[in-house]
């Protein structure tokens, strides 16, 4: 909750105008898949993009990424393995 409060405070200070738009939000708060391409992508494609974005935001720290994603580290490891080799 504190982190969200900090983000909102930063947005209020840093945003030009009276309205906070999607581009003003931090990367992890945007739903870029919907905004960019509409409903043309599968859930699996959106999940892959989101996992990659989260991993990039934590400099590849899988434990922290799993916490952000709300999944077990083993689950994240399996998803990453499946991303590399979808046939497994």
Protein backbone atom coordinates (compact mmCIF):
# COMPACT_ATOMS: atom_id res chain seq x y z
CA UNK A 1 0.00 0.00 0.00
CA UNK A 2 2.83 2.38 0.85
CA UNK A 3 4.43 1.78 -2.54
CA UNK A 4 1.15 2.59 -4.29
CA UNK A 5 0.81 5.77 -2.24
CA UNK A 6 4.33 6.79 -3.28
CA UNK A 7 3.54 6.14 -6.95
CA UNK A 8 0.37 8.21 -6.74
CA UNK A 9 2.18 11.06 -5.01
CA UNK A 10 4.88 11.03 -7.70
CA UNK A 11 2.25 11.00 -10.44
CA UNK A 12 0.43 13.97 -8.93
CA UNK A 13 3.65 15.97 -8.74
CA UNK A 14 5.16 14.92 -12.07
CA UNK A 15 2.09 14.80 -14.33
CA UNK A 16 1.30 17.79 -16.49
CA UNK A 17 -2.36 18.71 -16.33
CA UNK A 18 -5.23 17.49 -14.21
CA UNK A 19 -5.54 13.96 -15.56
CA UNK A 20 -3.16 11.05 -15.09
CA UNK A 21 -3.00 9.14 -18.38
CA UNK A 22 -1.83 5.57 -18.97
CA UNK A 23 1.54 6.71 -20.38
CA UNK A 24 2.18 8.56 -17.10
CA UNK A 25 2.01 5.31 -15.13
CA UNK A 26 5.08 3.24 -14.26
CA UNK A 27 5.70 0.39 -16.68
CA UNK A 28 4.40 -2.31 -14.35
CA UNK A 29 1.08 -0.54 -13.91
CA UNK A 30 0.27 -0.32 -17.60
CA UNK A 31 -1.62 -2.96 -19.47
CA UNK A 32 0.36 -2.43 -22.63
CA UNK A 33 -0.93 -5.51 -24.40
CA UNK A 34 -4.48 -4.18 -24.44
CA UNK A 35 -3.49 -0.60 -25.13
CA UNK A 36 -1.16 -1.39 -28.02
CA UNK A 37 -2.84 -4.19 -29.89
CA UNK A 38 -6.39 -4.61 -28.68
CA UNK A 39 -7.67 -8.13 -28.17
CA UNK A 40 -5.63 -9.82 -30.89
CA UNK A 41 -3.14 -11.56 -28.61
CA UNK A 42 -3.57 -14.73 -26.63
CA UNK A 43 -3.41 -14.86 -22.86
CA UNK A 44 -0.18 -16.86 -23.15
CA UNK A 45 1.41 -14.10 -25.24
CA UNK A 46 0.35 -11.44 -22.76
CA UNK A 47 1.66 -13.56 -19.88
CA UNK A 48 5.05 -13.97 -21.56
CA UNK A 49 5.35 -10.22 -22.14
CA UNK A 50 4.33 -9.46 -18.57
CA UNK A 51 6.81 -11.95 -17.10
CA UNK A 52 9.60 -10.48 -19.23
CA UNK A 53 8.67 -6.93 -18.18
CA UNK A 54 8.64 -7.87 -14.51
CA UNK A 55 11.98 -9.66 -14.79
CA UNK A 56 13.51 -6.65 -16.53
CA UNK A 57 12.16 -4.32 -13.85
CA UNK A 58 13.94 -6.33 -11.12
CA UNK A 59 17.15 -6.85 -13.09
CA UNK A 60 16.49 -10.55 -13.57
CA UNK A 61 15.97 -11.37 -9.89
CA UNK A 62 13.67 -14.39 -10.15
CA UNK A 63 12.76 -14.45 -6.47
CA UNK A 64 11.63 -10.83 -6.52
CA UNK A 65 9.88 -11.30 -9.86
CA UNK A 66 7.97 -14.32 -8.52
CA UNK A 67 6.88 -12.25 -5.51
CA UNK A 68 5.61 -9.47 -7.78
CA UNK A 69 3.84 -11.98 -10.02
CA UNK A 70 2.27 -13.67 -7.00
CA UNK A 71 3.60 -17.09 -7.93
CA UNK A 72 6.09 -19.53 -6.47
CA UNK A 73 9.67 -19.27 -7.71
CA UNK A 74 9.44 -22.85 -9.01
CA UNK A 75 6.36 -21.90 -11.03
CA UNK A 76 8.22 -18.96 -12.52
CA UNK A 77 11.15 -21.20 -13.37
CA UNK A 78 8.79 -23.63 -15.13
CA UNK A 79 7.12 -20.82 -17.07
CA UNK A 80 10.52 -19.54 -18.18
CA UNK A 81 11.51 -23.04 -19.26
CA UNK A 82 8.27 -23.34 -21.26
CA UNK A 83 8.92 -19.95 -22.86
CA UNK A 84 12.26 -21.23 -24.15
CA UNK A 85 10.91 -24.64 -25.19
CA UNK A 86 7.12 -24.51 -25.69
CA UNK A 87 6.97 -28.23 -26.52
CA UNK A 88 7.87 -29.23 -22.95
